[in-house]
Protein backbone atom coordinates (compact mmCIF):
# COMPACT_ATOMS: atom_id res chain seq x y z
CA MET A 1 15.00 -29.93 -27.73
CA ALA A 2 11.96 -31.10 -25.78
CA ASN A 3 8.30 -30.99 -26.68
CA ALA A 4 5.64 -29.43 -24.49
CA ALA A 5 4.94 -32.60 -22.54
CA ASP A 6 8.63 -32.86 -21.66
CA ILE A 7 8.72 -29.20 -20.63
CA ILE A 8 5.86 -29.26 -18.19
CA SER A 9 6.48 -32.79 -16.96
CA SER A 10 10.10 -31.90 -16.24
CA ILE A 11 9.05 -28.94 -14.11
CA PHE A 12 6.63 -31.08 -12.14
CA LYS A 13 9.16 -33.86 -11.72
CA HIS A 14 11.91 -31.44 -10.70
CA HIS A 15 9.75 -29.95 -7.95
CA GLU A 16 7.52 -32.89 -7.05
CA ASN A 17 6.36 -32.71 -3.42
CA GLU A 18 7.95 -29.30 -2.83
CA VAL A 19 5.80 -26.85 -0.89
CA LEU A 20 5.73 -23.63 -2.87
CA GLN A 21 3.99 -20.27 -2.87
CA VAL A 22 2.35 -18.85 -5.97
CA GLY A 23 5.22 -16.40 -6.49
CA GLN A 24 7.74 -19.25 -6.60
CA ILE A 25 5.65 -21.12 -9.16
CA GLU A 26 5.50 -17.99 -11.31
CA ALA A 27 9.25 -17.56 -11.02
CA HIS A 28 9.72 -21.07 -12.41
CA ALA A 29 7.44 -20.19 -15.31
CA ARG A 30 9.38 -17.00 -16.01
CA ALA A 31 12.50 -19.12 -16.34
CA ILE A 32 11.08 -20.85 -19.39
CA SER A 33 12.65 -19.82 -22.69
CA LEU A 34 10.26 -20.17 -25.58
CA ARG A 35 10.83 -19.93 -29.31
CA ILE A 36 7.71 -19.78 -31.48
CA ASN A 37 7.85 -19.57 -35.26
CA ASN A 38 11.57 -18.78 -34.99
CA ARG A 39 10.91 -15.59 -33.01
CA ASP A 40 12.59 -15.13 -29.65
CA ILE A 41 10.06 -14.31 -26.96
CA ARG A 42 11.77 -12.35 -24.26
CA ASP A 43 10.05 -10.20 -21.50
CA ALA A 44 8.55 -11.86 -18.52
CA ASP A 45 5.57 -9.67 -17.82
CA ARG A 46 2.13 -10.66 -19.08
CA ALA A 47 3.15 -13.36 -21.50
CA VAL A 48 4.98 -15.73 -19.19
CA ARG A 49 2.82 -14.94 -16.19
CA GLY A 50 -0.13 -16.01 -18.31
CA PHE A 51 1.67 -19.26 -19.01
CA ALA A 52 2.24 -19.73 -15.27
CA GLN A 53 -1.35 -19.01 -14.38
CA ARG A 54 -2.80 -21.44 -16.90
CA ASN A 55 -0.30 -24.29 -16.95
CA LEU A 56 1.38 -24.31 -13.57
CA VAL A 57 -0.67 -22.65 -10.84
CA GLU A 58 -3.91 -24.35 -11.89
CA ARG A 59 -2.21 -27.74 -12.07
CA VAL A 60 -0.76 -27.88 -8.58
CA GLY A 61 -2.40 -29.15 -5.42
CA ARG A 62 -3.58 -26.53 -2.94
CA ILE A 63 -2.48 -27.42 0.59
CA GLY A 64 -3.22 -24.17 2.41
CA GLN A 65 -3.77 -20.44 2.07
CA GLY A 66 -1.40 -19.38 -0.70
CA PHE A 67 0.63 -22.61 -0.63
CA TYR A 68 0.75 -25.34 -3.25
CA ARG A 69 2.51 -28.59 -4.10
CA TYR A 70 3.31 -29.85 -7.58
CA ASP A 71 1.33 -32.94 -8.44
CA HIS A 72 1.99 -34.69 -11.75
CA THR A 73 -1.47 -36.26 -11.71
CA ARG A 74 -2.95 -32.82 -12.36
CA LEU A 75 -1.29 -32.39 -15.75
CA ASN A 76 -3.88 -31.64 -18.42
CA PRO A 77 -3.29 -33.54 -21.71
CA ALA A 78 -5.21 -30.86 -23.63
CA ASP A 79 -2.75 -28.20 -22.49
CA LEU A 80 0.20 -30.36 -23.45
CA GLU A 81 -1.32 -31.04 -26.84
CA ARG A 82 -1.77 -27.33 -27.52
CA PHE A 83 1.85 -26.60 -26.68
CA ASN A 84 3.05 -29.51 -28.79
CA ALA A 85 1.43 -27.86 -31.80
CA MET A 86 3.81 -24.91 -31.51
CA GLU A 87 7.05 -24.79 -33.43
CA ASP A 88 10.31 -25.31 -31.58
CA VAL A 89 9.10 -25.05 -28.01
CA TYR A 90 11.88 -25.80 -25.59
CA ILE A 91 13.20 -25.16 -22.11
CA PRO A 92 16.82 -25.24 -20.92
CA LEU A 93 16.27 -27.11 -17.66
CA ASP A 94 19.65 -26.06 -16.31
CA GLN A 95 18.31 -22.46 -16.33
CA LEU A 96 15.13 -23.29 -14.49
CA HIS A 97 15.75 -20.67 -11.80
CA THR A 98 16.97 -17.90 -14.11
CA GLN A 99 14.81 -15.11 -15.53
CA PRO A 100 15.32 -14.42 -19.24
CA HIS A 101 14.37 -11.10 -20.85
CA ILE A 102 11.28 -11.44 -23.06
CA PRO A 103 9.86 -8.69 -25.34
CA GLN A 104 6.76 -7.07 -23.83
CA GLY A 105 3.46 -7.66 -25.54
CA VAL A 106 4.31 -11.05 -27.09
CA ASN A 107 2.24 -13.82 -25.59
CA PRO A 108 3.50 -17.41 -25.88
CA VAL A 109 0.12 -18.94 -25.13
CA GLN A 110 -2.12 -17.47 -27.79
CA GLY A 111 -2.85 -20.92 -29.15
CA ASN A 112 -3.98 -21.05 -32.75
CA GLY A 113 -4.42 -17.28 -32.95
CA ASN A 114 -8.22 -17.51 -33.07
CA ASN A 115 -9.33 -14.98 -30.48
CA ASP A 116 -13.06 -15.08 -31.10
CA ASP A 117 -15.16 -14.37 -28.03
CA ASN A 118 -16.62 -17.86 -28.19
CA ASN A 119 -13.35 -19.46 -27.15
CA ASP A 120 -10.57 -18.82 -24.66
CA ASN A 121 -7.57 -18.94 -26.96
CA GLY A 122 -6.86 -15.24 -26.50
CA PRO A 123 -4.15 -13.53 -24.46
CA ARG A 124 -3.89 -15.02 -21.01
CA ILE A 125 -4.67 -13.28 -17.76
CA GLU A 126 -2.21 -11.79 -15.33
CA ASN A 127 -2.18 -12.73 -11.66
CA GLU A 128 -3.19 -9.22 -10.69
CA PRO A 129 -5.18 -6.73 -12.75
CA VAL A 130 -3.76 -3.32 -13.54
CA GLN A 131 -5.44 -0.11 -12.36
CA THR A 132 -3.19 2.68 -13.55
CA ILE A 133 -3.59 6.38 -14.23
CA TYR A 134 -0.92 7.81 -16.55
CA TYR A 135 -0.37 11.50 -15.91
CA GLY A 136 2.02 14.18 -17.08
CA VAL A 137 2.31 17.34 -19.13
CA PRO A 138 0.46 17.69 -22.46
CA GLY A 139 2.15 15.64 -25.17
CA CYS A 140 4.55 13.77 -22.88
CA GLY A 141 3.52 10.37 -24.29
CA LYS A 142 0.76 9.12 -21.99
CA SER A 143 -1.29 7.63 -24.81
CA ARG A 144 1.82 6.12 -26.39
CA GLN A 145 2.72 4.42 -23.10
CA LEU A 146 -0.83 3.20 -22.64
CA LYS A 147 -0.88 1.81 -26.18
CA SER A 148 2.39 0.01 -25.52
CA ASP A 149 1.13 -1.48 -22.24
CA THR A 150 -2.09 -2.75 -23.83
CA GLY A 151 -0.49 -3.76 -27.13
CA PHE A 152 -0.71 -7.47 -26.32
CA LEU A 153 -4.51 -7.27 -26.43
CA PRO A 154 -6.61 -7.45 -29.61
CA LYS A 155 -8.80 -4.39 -30.14
CA LYS A 156 -11.98 -6.30 -29.39
CA ASN A 157 -10.68 -6.97 -25.86
CA ILE A 158 -10.44 -3.25 -25.11
CA ALA A 159 -13.30 -0.87 -24.31
CA ARG A 160 -12.62 2.88 -24.61
CA VAL A 161 -14.48 5.79 -23.10
CA VAL A 162 -13.68 9.49 -22.84
CA PHE A 163 -14.69 11.46 -19.77
CA HIS A 164 -15.93 15.03 -20.25
CA PRO A 165 -18.01 17.50 -18.21
CA ASP A 166 -21.33 16.12 -19.48
CA TYR A 167 -20.38 12.44 -19.07
CA SER A 168 -22.59 10.87 -16.38
CA ASN A 169 -22.90 7.76 -14.27
CA ALA A 170 -25.68 6.57 -16.63
CA ASP A 171 -23.28 6.88 -19.59
CA PHE A 172 -20.71 4.86 -17.67
CA ILE A 173 -22.82 1.97 -16.37
CA GLY A 174 -25.68 1.91 -18.88
CA GLN A 175 -29.25 3.19 -18.73
CA ILE A 176 -32.86 2.39 -19.50
CA LEU A 177 -33.86 3.73 -22.93
CA PRO A 178 -37.16 3.58 -24.85
CA GLU A 179 -37.42 1.47 -28.00
CA THR A 180 -40.27 0.81 -30.40
CA ASN A 181 -41.37 -2.50 -31.88
CA GLY A 182 -44.42 -2.70 -34.16
CA GLY A 183 -45.74 0.60 -32.89
CA ASN A 184 -45.34 -0.44 -29.26
CA VAL A 185 -42.96 1.40 -26.95
CA PHE A 186 -40.95 -0.61 -24.46
CA TYR A 187 -37.99 0.19 -22.26
CA ARG A 188 -34.73 -1.67 -22.47
CA TYR A 189 -31.46 -1.57 -20.57
CA LYS A 190 -28.67 -0.34 -22.86
CA ALA A 191 -25.30 -1.52 -21.62
CA SER A 192 -22.30 0.80 -21.74
CA PRO A 193 -18.88 -0.17 -23.17
CA PHE A 194 -17.70 -0.62 -19.58
CA VAL A 195 -20.48 -3.10 -18.72
CA GLU A 196 -20.00 -4.93 -22.03
CA ILE A 197 -16.31 -5.51 -21.25
CA ILE A 198 -17.20 -6.69 -17.74
CA ARG A 199 -19.48 -9.31 -19.28
CA LYS A 200 -16.75 -10.50 -21.64
CA ALA A 201 -14.32 -10.81 -18.72
CA TYR A 202 -16.87 -12.85 -16.76
CA LEU A 203 -17.55 -15.23 -19.63
CA HIS A 204 -14.00 -15.71 -20.96
CA GLN A 205 -11.81 -16.31 -17.96
CA ASN A 206 -8.60 -17.08 -19.85
CA GLN A 207 -8.52 -13.87 -21.86
CA SER A 208 -7.38 -10.47 -20.64
CA TYR A 209 -9.59 -7.41 -21.08
CA ALA A 210 -9.09 -3.72 -20.48
CA LEU A 211 -11.13 -0.58 -20.00
CA VAL A 212 -9.33 2.56 -21.20
CA ILE A 213 -10.53 5.90 -19.84
CA GLU A 214 -9.18 8.89 -21.72
CA GLU A 215 -9.00 12.25 -19.89
CA ILE A 216 -10.30 10.85 -16.61
CA ASN A 217 -10.17 14.23 -14.87
CA ARG A 218 -12.12 16.13 -17.54
CA GLY A 219 -15.25 14.62 -16.04
CA ASN A 220 -16.31 14.38 -12.42
CA ALA A 221 -14.79 10.92 -11.98
CA PRO A 222 -16.11 10.12 -8.45
CA ALA A 223 -19.64 11.03 -9.57
CA ILE A 224 -19.28 9.12 -12.84
CA PHE A 225 -18.09 5.99 -11.04
CA GLY A 226 -20.76 6.27 -8.34
CA GLU A 227 -21.05 2.97 -6.49
CA ILE A 228 -18.68 1.37 -9.02
CA PHE A 229 -16.01 3.16 -6.98
CA GLN A 230 -16.36 0.33 -4.44
CA LEU A 231 -15.28 -2.23 -7.05
CA LEU A 232 -11.84 -0.63 -7.41
CA ASP A 233 -10.66 -2.35 -4.22
CA ARG A 234 -9.23 -5.71 -5.32
CA LEU A 235 -8.67 -8.86 -3.30
CA LYS A 236 -5.09 -9.62 -2.29
CA GLU A 237 -5.92 -13.21 -1.31
CA PRO A 238 -8.59 -15.65 -2.54
CA GLU A 239 -11.93 -15.37 -0.78
CA ASP A 240 -14.98 -17.60 -0.54
CA GLU A 241 -18.51 -16.20 -0.66
CA GLY A 242 -21.25 -18.79 -0.47
CA ASN A 243 -20.44 -21.44 -3.07
CA ASN A 244 -18.28 -19.10 -5.13
CA ARG A 245 -14.54 -18.63 -4.82
CA TYR A 246 -12.98 -15.34 -5.90
CA ASP A 247 -9.26 -15.34 -6.60
CA ALA A 248 -6.88 -12.50 -5.87
CA GLY A 249 -7.58 -9.67 -8.29
CA TRP A 250 -11.38 -9.81 -8.11
CA SER A 251 -13.18 -6.86 -6.51
CA GLU A 252 -13.11 -7.23 -2.76
CA PHE A 253 -16.61 -5.82 -2.24
CA PRO A 254 -19.52 -6.53 -4.63
CA ILE A 255 -22.26 -4.09 -5.58
CA ASN A 256 -25.90 -4.88 -6.29
CA ASN A 257 -27.13 -3.70 -9.68
CA SER A 258 -29.90 -5.82 -11.09
CA TYR A 259 -29.52 -4.44 -14.64
CA ILE A 260 -25.80 -5.13 -14.91
CA ASN A 261 -26.32 -8.53 -13.29
CA ALA A 262 -29.07 -9.42 -15.78
CA PHE A 263 -27.01 -8.20 -18.74
CA ILE A 264 -24.05 -10.37 -17.74
CA ARG A 265 -26.34 -13.38 -17.37
CA GLY A 266 -27.76 -12.78 -20.87
CA VAL A 267 -31.30 -11.99 -19.73
CA TYR A 268 -31.61 -9.22 -22.34
CA ASP A 269 -30.07 -11.14 -25.22
CA ASN A 270 -33.29 -12.22 -26.96
CA PRO A 271 -36.17 -9.74 -26.61
CA PRO A 272 -38.99 -9.88 -25.76
CA TYR A 273 -37.97 -11.27 -22.40
CA ALA A 274 -39.88 -13.99 -20.65
CA GLU A 275 -40.13 -13.88 -16.88
CA THR A 276 -38.18 -17.14 -16.74
CA ASP A 277 -35.22 -15.43 -18.40
CA ASP A 278 -34.52 -13.57 -15.19
CA ASN A 279 -33.73 -16.87 -13.46
CA ARG A 280 -30.96 -17.66 -15.96
CA GLU A 281 -27.64 -18.57 -14.35
CA ILE A 282 -24.17 -18.57 -15.85
CA HIS A 283 -20.97 -20.34 -14.87
CA PHE A 284 -17.85 -18.23 -14.72
CA HIS A 285 -14.22 -18.63 -13.69
CA GLY A 286 -14.22 -22.30 -12.80
CA ASN A 287 -17.23 -23.61 -10.91
CA ASN A 288 -18.60 -20.21 -9.87
CA ILE A 289 -22.23 -19.41 -10.64
CA LEU A 290 -23.81 -15.98 -11.12
CA THR A 291 -27.48 -15.81 -10.14
CA LYS A 292 -29.83 -12.84 -10.01
CA GLU A 293 -29.25 -12.56 -6.24
CA ASP A 294 -25.46 -12.20 -6.56
CA GLY A 295 -23.57 -8.95 -6.45
CA ILE A 296 -21.32 -7.81 -9.28
CA ARG A 297 -17.52 -7.60 -9.05
CA LEU A 298 -14.75 -6.61 -11.42
CA PRO A 299 -13.14 -9.86 -12.64
CA LYS A 300 -9.45 -10.44 -12.12
CA ASN A 301 -8.86 -10.51 -15.89
CA LEU A 302 -10.18 -6.96 -16.33
CA SER A 303 -7.68 -4.11 -16.01
CA ILE A 304 -8.43 -0.38 -16.09
CA TYR A 305 -6.11 2.21 -17.62
CA ALA A 306 -6.65 5.97 -17.63
CA THR A 307 -4.88 9.11 -18.82
CA MET A 308 -4.85 12.49 -17.12
CA ASN A 309 -3.45 15.91 -18.00
CA THR A 310 -2.56 17.83 -14.84
CA SER A 311 -2.43 21.20 -16.63
CA ASP A 312 -5.76 21.23 -18.46
CA GLN A 313 -8.04 24.15 -17.73
CA ASN A 314 -11.51 23.52 -16.28
CA VAL A 315 -10.71 19.98 -15.10
CA PHE A 316 -12.04 18.19 -12.04
CA THR A 317 -9.69 17.23 -9.24
CA LEU A 318 -9.39 13.61 -8.15
CA ASP A 319 -9.64 13.28 -4.38
CA ASN A 320 -7.14 11.17 -2.43
CA ALA A 321 -9.68 8.43 -1.68
CA PHE A 322 -10.17 7.95 -5.41
CA GLN A 323 -6.49 8.21 -6.33
CA ARG A 324 -5.22 5.72 -3.76
CA ARG A 325 -7.13 2.93 -5.49
CA TRP A 326 -4.96 3.43 -8.56
CA LYS A 327 -1.31 3.18 -9.39
CA MET A 328 -0.36 6.74 -10.36
CA HIS A 329 2.27 6.53 -13.11
CA LEU A 330 4.05 9.78 -14.02
CA ILE A 331 5.18 9.85 -17.64
CA SER A 332 8.48 11.71 -17.67
CA ASN A 333 8.73 14.64 -20.04
CA ASP A 334 11.67 13.20 -21.96
CA LEU A 335 12.09 13.08 -25.71
CA ASN A 336 14.39 10.24 -26.67
CA ASP A 337 13.10 9.77 -30.20
CA GLU A 338 15.68 11.37 -32.52
CA ASN A 339 13.30 11.68 -35.45
CA GLN A 340 10.84 13.66 -33.36
CA ALA A 341 13.48 15.74 -31.57
CA ASN A 342 15.43 16.62 -34.75
CA ALA A 343 12.39 17.59 -36.82
CA ILE A 344 12.87 21.14 -38.10
CA ILE A 345 10.17 23.73 -37.53
CA GLU A 346 9.11 24.71 -41.04
CA ASP A 347 10.52 28.04 -42.31
CA THR A 348 13.17 28.04 -39.53
CA ASN A 349 16.48 26.35 -38.87
CA VAL A 350 15.56 25.33 -35.31
CA SER A 351 14.64 21.78 -34.35
CA TRP A 352 11.55 20.91 -32.37
CA GLY A 353 13.69 19.38 -29.61
CA VAL A 354 15.72 22.58 -29.11
CA PHE A 355 12.68 24.86 -29.25
CA ARG A 356 10.76 22.70 -26.79
CA ASP A 357 13.67 22.54 -24.33
CA CYS A 358 14.10 26.32 -24.38
CA VAL A 359 10.39 26.96 -23.88
CA ASN A 360 10.31 24.53 -20.97
CA ARG A 361 13.27 26.28 -19.33
CA GLU A 362 11.38 29.55 -19.53
CA ILE A 363 8.28 27.94 -18.04
CA VAL A 364 10.25 26.48 -15.14
CA ARG A 365 12.08 29.79 -14.59
CA LYS A 366 8.76 31.58 -14.26
CA SER A 367 7.18 28.90 -12.08
CA ASN A 368 8.62 30.33 -8.84
CA PHE A 369 5.36 32.24 -8.37
CA THR A 370 2.90 29.74 -9.80
CA SER A 371 2.65 26.06 -10.75
CA LEU A 372 3.65 26.62 -14.35
CA GLU A 373 5.79 23.49 -14.53
CA ASP A 374 2.65 21.56 -15.50
CA LYS A 375 2.41 23.79 -18.57
CA ARG A 376 5.61 22.45 -20.13
CA LEU A 377 5.55 21.18 -23.70
CA GLY A 378 5.66 17.42 -24.14
CA GLY A 379 7.84 15.90 -26.82
CA TRP A 380 4.80 14.56 -28.66
CA PHE A 381 2.80 17.77 -28.41
CA VAL A 382 3.07 18.17 -32.20
CA GLU A 383 2.92 15.76 -35.12
CA THR A 384 5.88 15.74 -37.49
CA GLU A 385 6.05 14.59 -41.09
CA GLN A 386 8.71 13.55 -43.58
CA ARG A 387 9.31 15.85 -46.54
CA GLY A 388 12.03 14.68 -48.84
CA ASP A 389 15.19 14.07 -46.84
CA ILE A 390 14.15 15.98 -43.73
CA ARG A 391 11.50 15.66 -41.06
CA ILE A 392 9.60 18.82 -40.22
CA VAL A 393 6.99 20.31 -37.91
CA PRO A 394 4.51 21.74 -40.44
CA LYS A 395 4.01 25.49 -40.13
CA GLU A 396 0.25 25.14 -39.72
CA ILE A 397 0.64 22.76 -36.79
CA PHE A 398 3.23 25.00 -35.12
CA GLU A 399 1.02 28.06 -35.49
CA ASP A 400 -2.31 26.52 -34.52
CA LYS A 401 -1.09 24.27 -31.74
CA VAL A 402 2.17 25.59 -30.30
CA LEU A 403 1.76 29.35 -30.65
CA LYS A 404 -1.86 29.16 -29.51
CA TYR A 405 -0.90 27.07 -26.48
CA LEU A 406 1.94 29.40 -25.50
CA TRP A 407 -0.23 32.50 -25.86
CA ASP A 408 -3.50 31.24 -24.37
CA ASP A 409 -2.19 28.89 -21.71
CA ALA A 410 1.48 28.47 -20.82
CA PHE A 411 2.38 32.20 -20.79
CA LYS A 412 -1.10 33.60 -20.30
CA LEU A 413 -0.08 35.43 -17.11
CA ASN A 414 3.19 36.79 -18.48
CA ARG A 415 3.69 36.93 -22.24
CA ASP A 416 7.08 38.60 -22.28
CA ILE A 417 8.47 35.64 -24.23
CA PHE A 418 6.91 37.43 -27.24
CA LYS A 419 8.16 40.76 -28.63
CA ASN A 420 5.88 43.73 -28.00
CA HIS A 421 3.32 41.41 -26.48
CA GLN A 422 1.34 44.28 -24.92
CA GLU A 423 0.36 45.43 -28.41
CA LYS A 424 -0.56 42.02 -29.83
CA THR A 425 -3.29 39.42 -30.01
CA LEU A 426 -2.99 35.74 -30.87
CA GLU A 427 -4.12 36.58 -34.39
CA THR A 428 -1.32 39.11 -34.90
CA VAL A 429 1.23 36.72 -33.39
CA ILE A 430 0.30 34.03 -35.94
CA ASN A 431 0.24 36.55 -38.80
CA ASP A 432 3.67 37.88 -37.76
CA PHE A 433 5.06 34.33 -37.71
CA GLU A 434 4.11 33.96 -41.38
CA VAL A 435 6.47 36.85 -42.16
CA SER A 436 9.05 37.02 -39.37
CA HIS A 437 9.07 33.39 -38.26
CA LEU A 438 10.85 32.95 -34.90
CA ASP A 439 11.66 36.67 -34.70
CA ILE A 440 8.25 37.08 -33.05
CA PHE A 441 9.93 35.94 -29.82
CA SER A 442 11.88 38.19 -27.45
CA ASN A 443 15.60 38.81 -27.95
CA GLU A 444 16.37 36.97 -24.70
CA PHE A 445 14.53 33.88 -25.90
CA LEU A 446 16.16 34.02 -29.36
CA THR A 447 19.57 34.15 -27.68
CA LEU A 448 18.66 31.07 -25.68
CA LEU A 449 17.58 29.31 -28.88
CA ASN A 450 20.81 30.16 -30.66
CA GLN A 451 22.95 29.00 -27.75
CA ASN A 452 21.22 25.62 -27.65
CA ALA A 453 21.05 25.18 -31.43
CA ASN A 454 24.84 25.34 -31.73
């Protein structure tokens, strides 16, 4: 079992003088099997790509656009020392070109676990940032998937915002607000969570950061983004601009915003501000320098995730120009969690999984004249809880969430899933459920429930 120096040195020796592309170097890194604190680390995504970015790609000699050559003289003793401090780090060299399975979210290069913003021992960056919108029916698991995909990040590396009809561009990028000091009023730029996370990504190049936008289509997203929209285009190849070099993953086109620029450079850190503060420069991502004349870009270590319900009422549409700058990820309306699916609706003998499936069949059956398929119930539309030996959907949740949704939204145009619906209101439907339980539904729907429950 080799130590870290043996691991990395062996890779360099094995491929010395080979001409390789970045993808090949990453593939070699993915082949590394790591064992830290007796836990198998298995899923190649962020974790091992971070290892490749830090300890392989940056230590090879660049010989042309996108091409590199291993060079043992570039090995960094500090990196080797950090890996040597880990328990049981090893590589099976005979499997150098294989790709093991590694659990997602575990990062083998988190160092000593101290992820304070004043150091770079946090989760490592990916080669390309993520810009993904998760969409699907209500309760299908968008937030669960997003949480899983960002689970490798500490909370302080994630900024969260929620779009809504009153959310503006000023809320998104920050604004000038009045403040008082000793009876004097002065105006100060107040950065938004988005701008704060941009600054962190600029200053800590070896950590990953994420902006999470909940309900992106409940606000007017193109208007909220404004000129930030231009930053969503990311470089596919490294690019030089003046004395700065921007790797793949940085915004392709910069924008000029003096307030965001000054905030990133720390001009507003210590009020009151002297005129000389505005000339402050910072170094970022290698030897790059940000001055007050430079435009702002999204760093390559900043990803953006968003969620979107396609069936919400009173939402804004996202135009094609906006959508094509994102990866649109449909979350399938499947329910594979047995605990959730088998939870019994309180005061009935029907499981949530069966009820949901039958409702969704009715929605799809009626969707031949309208786009009702977006109104289907997601598996996580309700919360369940354990009571004794069984898991249930509490009656209050079923009444206030499910019955209300079916009456006011999913079957608003045709409520014949309910008995005597012409004579009822939502209030009477909920009151009837207290007494008659599922008998509030039509005979046809009850037959469908019984057939699927058996």
